[in-house]
Amino acid sequence: MAKKKEHNNQSTAFIDRIEDDLAVLIFSDETSLNVPRKQLPAEVKEGDYLHVTFEAKTGKATAFALVDEASTAAEAHVAELQVELLADDDAVPMNIKL
């Protein structure tokens, strides 16, 4: 009898911050995951989004891939919000970075 193939689950996470050798990832349900920096793609930075693959059987994160379009969309959204804030006469000028 053939074994059932285990399916891995994939989620998207935001890199909230990188502290020393750990990256803190935040998922849409607001859970966080600390990951050794060396396990992530070399080019990632704070504010980037990653596809995180979890092994179905153990729940362990096994793969991380950069999601360029999500980071770009988030930066565009923040820029739009800045324009809206600055349109308000009482707003204090600021430059918000992801």
PDB file of N, CA and C in Angstrom:
ATOM      1  N   MET A   1       0.843  -1.175   0.000  1.00  0.00           N
ATOM      2  CA  MET A   1       0.000   0.000   0.000  1.00  0.00           C
ATOM      3  C   MET A   1       0.893   1.245   0.000  1.00  0.00           C
ATOM      4  N   ALA A   2       0.576   2.222  -0.834  1.00  0.00           N
ATOM      5  CA  ALA A   2       1.375   3.448  -0.944  1.00  0.00           C
ATOM      6  C   ALA A   2       1.120   4.366   0.245  1.00  0.00           C
ATOM      7  N   LYS A   3       2.197   5.009   0.657  1.00  0.00           N
ATOM      8  CA  LYS A   3       2.072   5.972   1.760  1.00  0.00           C
ATOM      9  C   LYS A   3       1.443   7.258   1.258  1.00  0.00           C
ATOM     10  N   LYS A   4       0.684   7.919   2.139  1.00  0.00           N
ATOM     11  CA  LYS A   4       0.146   9.232   1.808  1.00  0.00           C
ATOM     12  C   LYS A   4       1.284  10.238   1.810  1.00  0.00           C
ATOM     13  N   LYS A   5       1.300  11.102   0.838  1.00  0.00           N
ATOM     14  CA  LYS A   5       2.321  12.140   0.783  1.00  0.00           C
ATOM     15  C   LYS A   5       1.986  13.221   1.807  1.00  0.00           C
ATOM     16  N   GLU A   6       2.978  13.587   2.614  1.00  0.00           N
ATOM     17  CA  GLU A   6       2.798  14.666   3.590  1.00  0.00           C
ATOM     18  C   GLU A   6       2.849  16.003   2.850  1.00  0.00           C
ATOM     19  N   HIS A   7       1.889  16.850   3.093  1.00  0.00           N
ATOM     20  CA  HIS A   7       1.883  18.165   2.462  1.00  0.00           C
ATOM     21  C   HIS A   7       2.425  19.196   3.440  1.00  0.00           C
ATOM     22  N   ASN A   8       3.284  20.056   2.920  1.00  0.00           N
ATOM     23  CA  ASN A   8       3.806  21.137   3.734  1.00  0.00           C
ATOM     24  C   ASN A   8       2.866  22.329   3.651  1.00  0.00           C
ATOM     25  N   ASN A   9       2.843  23.125   4.694  1.00  0.00           N
ATOM     26  CA  ASN A   9       2.014  24.319   4.734  1.00  0.00           C
ATOM     27  C   ASN A   9       2.904  25.531   4.520  1.00  0.00           C
ATOM     28  N   GLN A  10       2.361  26.542   3.860  1.00  0.00           N
ATOM     29  CA  GLN A  10       3.129  27.757   3.605  1.00  0.00           C
ATOM     30  C   GLN A  10       2.338  28.965   4.086  1.00  0.00           C
ATOM     31  N   SER A  11       3.040  29.886   4.735  1.00  0.00           N
ATOM     32  CA  SER A  11       2.452  31.138   5.206  1.00  0.00           C
ATOM     33  C   SER A  11       3.369  32.281   4.817  1.00  0.00           C
ATOM     34  N   THR A  12       2.835  33.483   4.880  1.00  0.00           N
ATOM     35  CA  THR A  12       3.648  34.667   4.616  1.00  0.00           C
ATOM     36  C   THR A  12       3.884  35.401   5.923  1.00  0.00           C
ATOM     37  N   ALA A  13       5.118  35.829   6.121  1.00  0.00           N
ATOM     38  CA  ALA A  13       5.489  36.539   7.338  1.00  0.00           C
ATOM     39  C   ALA A  13       6.236  37.816   6.986  1.00  0.00           C
ATOM     40  N   PHE A  14       6.149  38.772   7.882  1.00  0.00           N
ATOM     41  CA  PHE A  14       6.801  40.078   7.779  1.00  0.00           C
ATOM     42  C   PHE A  14       8.028  40.051   8.688  1.00  0.00           C
ATOM     43  N   ILE A  15       9.172  40.538   8.199  1.00  0.00           N
ATOM     44  CA  ILE A  15      10.354  40.621   9.059  1.00  0.00           C
ATOM     45  C   ILE A  15      10.241  41.912   9.856  1.00  0.00           C
ATOM     46  N   ASP A  16       9.852  41.767  11.102  1.00  0.00           N
ATOM     47  CA  ASP A  16       9.645  42.916  11.977  1.00  0.00           C
ATOM     48  C   ASP A  16      10.968  43.581  12.342  1.00  0.00           C
ATOM     49  N   ARG A  17      11.941  42.749  12.715  1.00  0.00           N
ATOM     50  CA  ARG A  17      13.249  43.299  13.084  1.00  0.00           C
ATOM     51  C   ARG A  17      14.292  42.197  13.057  1.00  0.00           C
ATOM     52  N   ILE A  18      15.535  42.644  12.971  1.00  0.00           N
ATOM     53  CA  ILE A  18      16.668  41.730  13.047  1.00  0.00           C
ATOM     54  C   ILE A  18      17.521  42.210  14.209  1.00  0.00           C
ATOM     55  N   GLU A  19      17.657  41.338  15.208  1.00  0.00           N
ATOM     56  CA  GLU A  19      18.405  41.658  16.422  1.00  0.00           C
ATOM     57  C   GLU A  19      19.553  40.676  16.539  1.00  0.00           C
ATOM     58  N   ASP A  20      20.772  41.187  16.476  1.00  0.00           N
ATOM     59  CA  ASP A  20      21.958  40.329  16.527  1.00  0.00           C
ATOM     60  C   ASP A  20      21.849  39.273  15.436  1.00  0.00           C
ATOM     61  N   ASP A  21      21.791  38.012  15.806  1.00  0.00           N
ATOM     62  CA  ASP A  21      21.740  36.931  14.829  1.00  0.00           C
ATOM     63  C   ASP A  21      20.351  36.327  14.671  1.00  0.00           C
ATOM     64  N   LEU A  22      19.313  37.011  15.192  1.00  0.00           N
ATOM     65  CA  LEU A  22      17.942  36.517  15.104  1.00  0.00           C
ATOM     66  C   LEU A  22      17.056  37.489  14.330  1.00  0.00           C
ATOM     67  N   ALA A  23      16.192  36.939  13.496  1.00  0.00           N
ATOM     68  CA  ALA A  23      15.172  37.736  12.820  1.00  0.00           C
ATOM     69  C   ALA A  23      13.835  37.413  13.480  1.00  0.00           C
ATOM     70  N   VAL A  24      13.044  38.447  13.732  1.00  0.00           N
ATOM     71  CA  VAL A  24      11.722  38.257  14.327  1.00  0.00           C
ATOM     72  C   VAL A  24      10.692  38.385  13.205  1.00  0.00           C
ATOM     73  N   LEU A  25      10.002  37.271  12.929  1.00  0.00           N
ATOM     74  CA  LEU A  25       8.988  37.238  11.879  1.00  0.00           C
ATOM     75  C   LEU A  25       7.612  37.349  12.515  1.00  0.00           C
ATOM     76  N   ILE A  26       6.731  38.133  11.877  1.00  0.00           N
ATOM     77  CA  ILE A  26       5.364  38.306  12.357  1.00  0.00           C
ATOM     78  C   ILE A  26       4.423  37.799  11.258  1.00  0.00           C
ATOM     79  N   PHE A  27       3.477  36.941  11.657  1.00  0.00           N
ATOM     80  CA  PHE A  27       2.488  36.402  10.724  1.00  0.00           C
ATOM     81  C   PHE A  27       1.189  37.190  10.833  1.00  0.00           C
ATOM     82  N   SER A  28       0.272  36.978   9.897  1.00  0.00           N
ATOM     83  CA  SER A  28      -0.974  37.742   9.857  1.00  0.00           C
ATOM     84  C   SER A  28      -1.836  37.543  11.095  1.00  0.00           C
ATOM     85  N   ASP A  29      -1.695  36.414  11.774  1.00  0.00           N
ATOM     86  CA  ASP A  29      -2.462  36.196  13.002  1.00  0.00           C
ATOM     87  C   ASP A  29      -1.746  36.769  14.226  1.00  0.00           C
ATOM     88  N   GLU A  30      -0.713  37.544  13.978  1.00  0.00           N
ATOM     89  CA  GLU A  30       0.086  38.256  14.985  1.00  0.00           C
ATOM     90  C   GLU A  30       0.979  37.348  15.818  1.00  0.00           C
ATOM     91  N   THR A  31       1.122  36.090  15.418  1.00  0.00           N
ATOM     92  CA  THR A  31       2.101  35.250  16.091  1.00  0.00           C
ATOM     93  C   THR A  31       3.479  35.613  15.564  1.00  0.00           C
ATOM     94  N   SER A  32       4.485  35.356  16.376  1.00  0.00           N
ATOM     95  CA  SER A  32       5.841  35.674  15.953  1.00  0.00           C
ATOM     96  C   SER A  32       6.711  34.427  15.994  1.00  0.00           C
ATOM     97  N   LEU A  33       7.790  34.475  15.254  1.00  0.00           N
ATOM     98  CA  LEU A  33       8.730  33.370  15.184  1.00  0.00           C
ATOM     99  C   LEU A  33      10.126  33.956  15.117  1.00  0.00           C
ATOM    100  N   ASN A  34      11.006  33.538  16.015  1.00  0.00           N
ATOM    101  CA  ASN A  34      12.404  33.949  15.988  1.00  0.00           C
ATOM    102  C   ASN A  34      13.184  32.932  15.165  1.00  0.00           C
ATOM    103  N   VAL A  35      13.911  33.428  14.167  1.00  0.00           N
ATOM    104  CA  VAL A  35      14.639  32.558  13.254  1.00  0.00           C
ATOM    105  C   VAL A  35      16.091  33.011  13.204  1.00  0.00           C
ATOM    106  N   PRO A  36      17.035  32.069  13.284  1.00  0.00           N
ATOM    107  CA  PRO A  36      18.435  32.450  13.112  1.00  0.00           C
ATOM    108  C   PRO A  36      18.640  33.127  11.758  1.00  0.00           C
ATOM    109  N   ARG A  37      19.303  34.255  11.750  1.00  0.00           N
ATOM    110  CA  ARG A  37      19.512  35.051  10.538  1.00  0.00           C
ATOM    111  C   ARG A  37      20.132  34.227   9.423  1.00  0.00           C
ATOM    112  N   LYS A  38      21.022  33.298   9.778  1.00  0.00           N
ATOM    113  CA  LYS A  38      21.723  32.507   8.766  1.00  0.00           C
ATOM    114  C   LYS A  38      20.796  31.555   8.003  1.00  0.00           C
ATOM    115  N   GLN A  39      19.585  31.304   8.503  1.00  0.00           N
ATOM    116  CA  GLN A  39      18.638  30.435   7.798  1.00  0.00           C
ATOM    117  C   GLN A  39      17.849  31.182   6.721  1.00  0.00           C
ATOM    118  N   LEU A  40      17.909  32.510   6.743  1.00  0.00           N
ATOM    119  CA  LEU A  40      17.137  33.321   5.797  1.00  0.00           C
ATOM    120  C   LEU A  40      17.970  33.653   4.575  1.00  0.00           C
ATOM    121  N   PRO A  41      17.313  34.003   3.461  1.00  0.00           N
ATOM    122  CA  PRO A  41      18.061  34.441   2.281  1.00  0.00           C
ATOM    123  C   PRO A  41      18.962  35.628   2.639  1.00  0.00           C
ATOM    124  N   ALA A  42      20.150  35.669   2.078  1.00  0.00           N
ATOM    125  CA  ALA A  42      21.160  36.668   2.425  1.00  0.00           C
ATOM    126  C   ALA A  42      20.680  38.108   2.237  1.00  0.00           C
ATOM    127  N   GLU A  43      19.820  38.347   1.256  1.00  0.00           N
ATOM    128  CA  GLU A  43      19.428  39.722   0.909  1.00  0.00           C
ATOM    129  C   GLU A  43      18.272  40.282   1.729  1.00  0.00           C
ATOM    130  N   VAL A  44      17.681  39.499   2.633  1.00  0.00           N
ATOM    131  CA  VAL A  44      16.529  40.002   3.379  1.00  0.00           C
ATOM    132  C   VAL A  44      16.926  41.115   4.339  1.00  0.00           C
ATOM    133  N   LYS A  45      15.929  41.977   4.599  1.00  0.00           N
ATOM    134  CA  LYS A  45      16.127  43.085   5.537  1.00  0.00           C
ATOM    135  C   LYS A  45      14.818  43.315   6.285  1.00  0.00           C
ATOM    136  N   GLU A  46      14.878  44.119   7.317  1.00  0.00           N
ATOM    137  CA  GLU A  46      13.668  44.466   8.060  1.00  0.00           C
ATOM    138  C   GLU A  46      12.655  45.071   7.102  1.00  0.00           C
ATOM    139  N   GLY A  47      11.399  44.667   7.253  1.00  0.00           N
ATOM    140  CA  GLY A  47      10.341  45.181   6.392  1.00  0.00           C
ATOM    141  C   GLY A  47      10.016  44.285   5.211  1.00  0.00           C
ATOM    142  N   ASP A  48      10.862  43.299   4.929  1.00  0.00           N
ATOM    143  CA  ASP A  48      10.591  42.373   3.826  1.00  0.00           C
ATOM    144  C   ASP A  48       9.553  41.337   4.245  1.00  0.00           C
ATOM    145  N   TYR A  49       8.959  40.711   3.248  1.00  0.00           N
ATOM    146  CA  TYR A  49       8.024  39.616   3.471  1.00  0.00           C
ATOM    147  C   TYR A  49       8.664  38.319   2.986  1.00  0.00           C
ATOM    148  N   LEU A  50       8.350  37.237   3.685  1.00  0.00           N
ATOM    149  CA  LEU A  50       8.883  35.932   3.327  1.00  0.00           C
ATOM    150  C   LEU A  50       7.761  34.905   3.231  1.00  0.00           C
ATOM    151  N   HIS A  51       7.901  33.973   2.288  1.00  0.00           N
ATOM    152  CA  HIS A  51       7.084  32.771   2.303  1.00  0.00           C
ATOM    153  C   HIS A  51       7.804  31.816   3.241  1.00  0.00           C
ATOM    154  N   VAL A  52       7.097  31.318   4.238  1.00  0.00           N
ATOM    155  CA  VAL A  52       7.671  30.383   5.202  1.00  0.00           C
ATOM    156  C   VAL A  52       6.972  29.047   5.011  1.00  0.00           C
ATOM    157  N   THR A  53       7.753  28.001   4.757  1.00  0.00           N
ATOM    158  CA  THR A  53       7.210  26.664   4.578  1.00  0.00           C
ATOM    159  C   THR A  53       7.400  25.878   5.864  1.00  0.00           C
ATOM    160  N   PHE A  54       6.313  25.271   6.325  1.00  0.00           N
ATOM    161  CA  PHE A  54       6.329  24.467   7.539  1.00  0.00           C
ATOM    162  C   PHE A  54       6.132  23.002   7.182  1.00  0.00           C
ATOM    163  N   GLU A  55       6.903  22.137   7.795  1.00  0.00           N
ATOM    164  CA  GLU A  55       6.733  20.701   7.603  1.00  0.00           C
ATOM    165  C   GLU A  55       5.430  20.278   8.278  1.00  0.00           C
ATOM    166  N   ALA A  56       4.595  19.593   7.549  1.00  0.00           N
ATOM    167  CA  ALA A  56       3.268  19.223   8.052  1.00  0.00           C
ATOM    168  C   ALA A  56       3.330  18.340   9.298  1.00  0.00           C
ATOM    169  N   LYS A  57       4.234  17.403   9.296  1.00  0.00           N
ATOM    170  CA  LYS A  57       4.287  16.434  10.391  1.00  0.00           C
ATOM    171  C   LYS A  57       4.791  17.050  11.696  1.00  0.00           C
ATOM    172  N   THR A  58       5.814  17.912  11.615  1.00  0.00           N
ATOM    173  CA  THR A  58       6.433  18.460  12.829  1.00  0.00           C
ATOM    174  C   THR A  58       6.043  19.899  13.130  1.00  0.00           C
ATOM    175  N   GLY A  59       5.569  20.618  12.115  1.00  0.00           N
ATOM    176  CA  GLY A  59       5.255  22.029  12.302  1.00  0.00           C
ATOM    177  C   GLY A  59       6.479  22.920  12.282  1.00  0.00           C
ATOM    178  N   LYS A  60       7.639  22.359  11.980  1.00  0.00           N
ATOM    179  CA  LYS A  60       8.895  23.107  11.966  1.00  0.00           C
ATOM    180  C   LYS A  60       9.046  23.895  10.660  1.00  0.00           C
ATOM    181  N   ALA A  61       9.498  25.144  10.780  1.00  0.00           N
ATOM    182  CA  ALA A  61       9.767  25.952   9.596  1.00  0.00           C
ATOM    183  C   ALA A  61      10.976  25.362   8.882  1.00  0.00           C
ATOM    184  N   THR A  62      10.806  25.051   7.606  1.00  0.00           N
ATOM    185  CA  THR A  62      11.867  24.371   6.867  1.00  0.00           C
ATOM    186  C   THR A  62      12.443  25.173   5.709  1.00  0.00           C
ATOM    187  N   ALA A  63      11.733  26.191   5.222  1.00  0.00           N
ATOM    188  CA  ALA A  63      12.224  26.961   4.086  1.00  0.00           C
ATOM    189  C   ALA A  63      11.702  28.391   4.153  1.00  0.00           C
ATOM    190  N   PHE A  64      12.516  29.316   3.655  1.00  0.00           N
ATOM    191  CA  PHE A  64      12.178  30.735   3.662  1.00  0.00           C
ATOM    192  C   PHE A  64      12.512  31.307   2.287  1.00  0.00           C
ATOM    193  N   ALA A  65      11.564  32.003   1.663  1.00  0.00           N
ATOM    194  CA  ALA A  65      11.783  32.602   0.348  1.00  0.00           C
ATOM    195  C   ALA A  65      11.275  34.037   0.359  1.00  0.00           C
ATOM    196  N   LEU A  66      12.074  34.945  -0.158  1.00  0.00           N
ATOM    197  CA  LEU A  66      11.728  36.361  -0.208  1.00  0.00           C
ATOM    198  C   LEU A  66      10.550  36.589  -1.144  1.00  0.00           C
ATOM    199  N   VAL A  67       9.619  37.451  -0.736  1.00  0.00           N
ATOM    200  CA  VAL A  67       8.449  37.815  -1.543  1.00  0.00           C
ATOM    201  C   VAL A  67       8.622  39.280  -1.929  1.00  0.00           C
ATOM    202  N   ASP A  68       9.203  39.518  -3.082  1.00  0.00           N
ATOM    203  CA  ASP A  68       9.486  40.893  -3.505  1.00  0.00           C
ATOM    204  C   ASP A  68       8.236  41.734  -3.692  1.00  0.00           C
ATOM    205  N   GLU A  69       7.193  41.182  -4.322  1.00  0.00           N
ATOM    206  CA  GLU A  69       6.007  41.984  -4.630  1.00  0.00           C
ATOM    207  C   GLU A  69       5.270  42.430  -3.374  1.00  0.00           C
ATOM    208  N   ALA A  70       5.296  41.646  -2.318  1.00  0.00           N
ATOM    209  CA  ALA A  70       4.622  42.035  -1.079  1.00  0.00           C
ATOM    210  C   ALA A  70       5.338  43.204  -0.421  1.00  0.00           C
ATOM    211  N   SER A  71       6.661  43.176  -0.431  1.00  0.00           N
ATOM    212  CA  SER A  71       7.425  44.275   0.149  1.00  0.00           C
ATOM    213  C   SER A  71       7.182  45.563  -0.621  1.00  0.00           C
ATOM    214  N   THR A  72       7.176  45.460  -1.940  1.00  0.00           N
ATOM    215  CA  THR A  72       6.938  46.633  -2.782  1.00  0.00           C
ATOM    216  C   THR A  72       5.532  47.188  -2.548  1.00  0.00           C
ATOM    217  N   ALA A  73       4.551  46.325  -2.437  1.00  0.00           N
ATOM    218  CA  ALA A  73       3.171  46.769  -2.200  1.00  0.00           C
ATOM    219  C   ALA A  73       3.054  47.446  -0.840  1.00  0.00           C
ATOM    220  N   ALA A  74       3.722  46.915   0.163  1.00  0.00           N
ATOM    221  CA  ALA A  74       3.677  47.523   1.495  1.00  0.00           C
ATOM    222  C   ALA A  74       4.327  48.899   1.487  1.00  0.00           C
ATOM    223  N   GLU A  75       5.460  49.042   0.801  1.00  0.00           N
ATOM    224  CA  GLU A  75       6.123  50.342   0.712  1.00  0.00           C
ATOM    225  C   GLU A  75       5.226  51.352   0.006  1.00  0.00           C
ATOM    226  N   ALA A  76       4.537  50.943  -1.052  1.00  0.00           N
ATOM    227  CA  ALA A  76       3.637  51.838  -1.776  1.00  0.00           C
ATOM    228  C   ALA A  76       2.470  52.257  -0.883  1.00  0.00           C
ATOM    229  N   HIS A  77       1.954  51.327  -0.100  1.00  0.00           N
ATOM    230  CA  HIS A  77       0.843  51.636   0.804  1.00  0.00           C
ATOM    231  C   HIS A  77       1.281  52.655   1.868  1.00  0.00           C
ATOM    232  N   VAL A  78       2.463  52.478   2.424  1.00  0.00           N
ATOM    233  CA  VAL A  78       2.968  53.425   3.421  1.00  0.00           C
ATOM    234  C   VAL A  78       3.153  54.803   2.782  1.00  0.00           C
ATOM    235  N   ALA A  79       3.653  54.855   1.561  1.00  0.00           N
ATOM    236  CA  ALA A  79       3.829  56.136   0.871  1.00  0.00           C
ATOM    237  C   ALA A  79       2.480  56.830   0.662  1.00  0.00           C
ATOM    238  N   GLU A  80       1.449  56.056   0.307  1.00  0.00           N
ATOM    239  CA  GLU A  80       0.110  56.632   0.146  1.00  0.00           C
ATOM    240  C   GLU A  80      -0.411  57.189   1.467  1.00  0.00           C
ATOM    241  N   LEU A  81      -0.197  56.453   2.541  1.00  0.00           N
ATOM    242  CA  LEU A  81      -0.635  56.927   3.859  1.00  0.00           C
ATOM    243  C   LEU A  81       0.097  58.203   4.259  1.00  0.00           C
ATOM    244  N   GLN A  82       1.378  58.294   3.918  1.00  0.00           N
ATOM    245  CA  GLN A  82       2.145  59.506   4.215  1.00  0.00           C
ATOM    246  C   GLN A  82       1.550  60.710   3.493  1.00  0.00           C
ATOM    247  N   VAL A  83       1.175  60.520   2.236  1.00  0.00           N
ATOM    248  CA  VAL A  83       0.573  61.609   1.457  1.00  0.00           C
ATOM    249  C   VAL A  83      -0.728  62.052   2.111  1.00  0.00           C
ATOM    250  N   GLU A  84      -1.546  61.093   2.526  1.00  0.00           N
ATOM    251  CA  GLU A  84      -2.807  61.425   3.193  1.00  0.00           C
ATOM    252  C   GLU A  84      -2.567  62.177   4.500  1.00  0.00           C
ATOM    253  N   LEU A  85      -1.598  61.719   5.271  1.00  0.00           N
ATOM    254  CA  LEU A  85      -1.290  62.384   6.536  1.00  0.00           C
ATOM    255  C   LEU A  85      -0.791  63.804   6.319  1.00  0.00           C
ATOM    256  N   LEU A  86       0.041  63.978   5.312  1.00  0.00           N
ATOM    257  CA  LEU A  86       0.599  65.301   5.045  1.00  0.00           C
ATOM    258  C   LEU A  86      -0.433  66.250   4.454  1.00  0.00           C
ATOM    259  N   ALA A  87      -1.506  65.713   3.875  1.00  0.00           N
ATOM    260  CA  ALA A  87      -2.572  66.552   3.334  1.00  0.00           C
ATOM    261  C   ALA A  87      -3.352  67.227   4.461  1.00  0.00           C
ATOM    262  N   ASP A  88      -3.300  66.665   5.643  1.00  0.00           N
ATOM    263  CA  ASP A  88      -3.960  67.230   6.823  1.00  0.00           C
ATOM    264  C   ASP A  88      -3.141  68.435   7.283  1.00  0.00           C
ATOM    265  N   ASP A  89      -3.776  69.599   7.446  1.00  0.00           N
ATOM    266  CA  ASP A  89      -3.078  70.827   7.823  1.00  0.00           C
ATOM    267  C   ASP A  89      -2.373  70.731   9.171  1.00  0.00           C
ATOM    268  N   ASP A  90      -2.872  69.893  10.065  1.00  0.00           N
ATOM    269  CA  ASP A  90      -2.285  69.764  11.394  1.00  0.00           C
ATOM    270  C   ASP A  90      -1.191  68.696  11.462  1.00  0.00           C
ATOM    271  N   ALA A  91      -0.957  67.999  10.361  1.00  0.00           N
ATOM    272  CA  ALA A  91       0.003  66.893  10.378  1.00  0.00           C
ATOM    273  C   ALA A  91       1.430  67.417  10.492  1.00  0.00           C
ATOM    274  N   VAL A  92       2.243  66.682  11.206  1.00  0.00           N
ATOM    275  CA  VAL A  92       3.666  67.001  11.341  1.00  0.00           C
ATOM    276  C   VAL A  92       4.405  66.192  10.279  1.00  0.00           C
ATOM    277  N   PRO A  93       5.245  66.847   9.445  1.00  0.00           N
ATOM    278  CA  PRO A  93       5.956  66.122   8.407  1.00  0.00           C
ATOM    279  C   PRO A  93       6.843  65.031   9.014  1.00  0.00           C
ATOM    280  N   MET A  94       6.829  63.854   8.383  1.00  0.00           N
ATOM    281  CA  MET A  94       7.672  62.750   8.838  1.00  0.00           C
ATOM    282  C   MET A  94       7.960  61.832   7.666  1.00  0.00           C
ATOM    283  N   ASN A  95       9.004  61.062   7.820  1.00  0.00           N
ATOM    284  CA  ASN A  95       9.340  60.090   6.808  1.00  0.00           C
ATOM    285  C   ASN A  95       9.316  58.718   7.471  1.00  0.00           C
ATOM    286  N   ILE A  96       8.327  57.915   7.151  1.00  0.00           N
ATOM    287  CA  ILE A  96       8.164  56.603   7.761  1.00  0.00           C
ATOM    288  C   ILE A  96       8.835  55.572   6.872  1.00  0.00           C
ATOM    289  N   LYS A  97       9.716  54.788   7.458  1.00  0.00           N
ATOM    290  CA  LYS A  97      10.401  53.714   6.723  1.00  0.00           C
ATOM    291  C   LYS A  97       9.886  52.377   7.219  1.00  0.00           C
ATOM    292  N   LEU A  98       9.829  51.414   6.306  1.00  0.00           N
ATOM    293  CA  LEU A  98       9.468  50.052   6.701  1.00  0.00           C
ATOM    294  C   LEU A  98      10.659  49.390   7.310  1.00  0.00           C
TER     295      LEU A  98
END
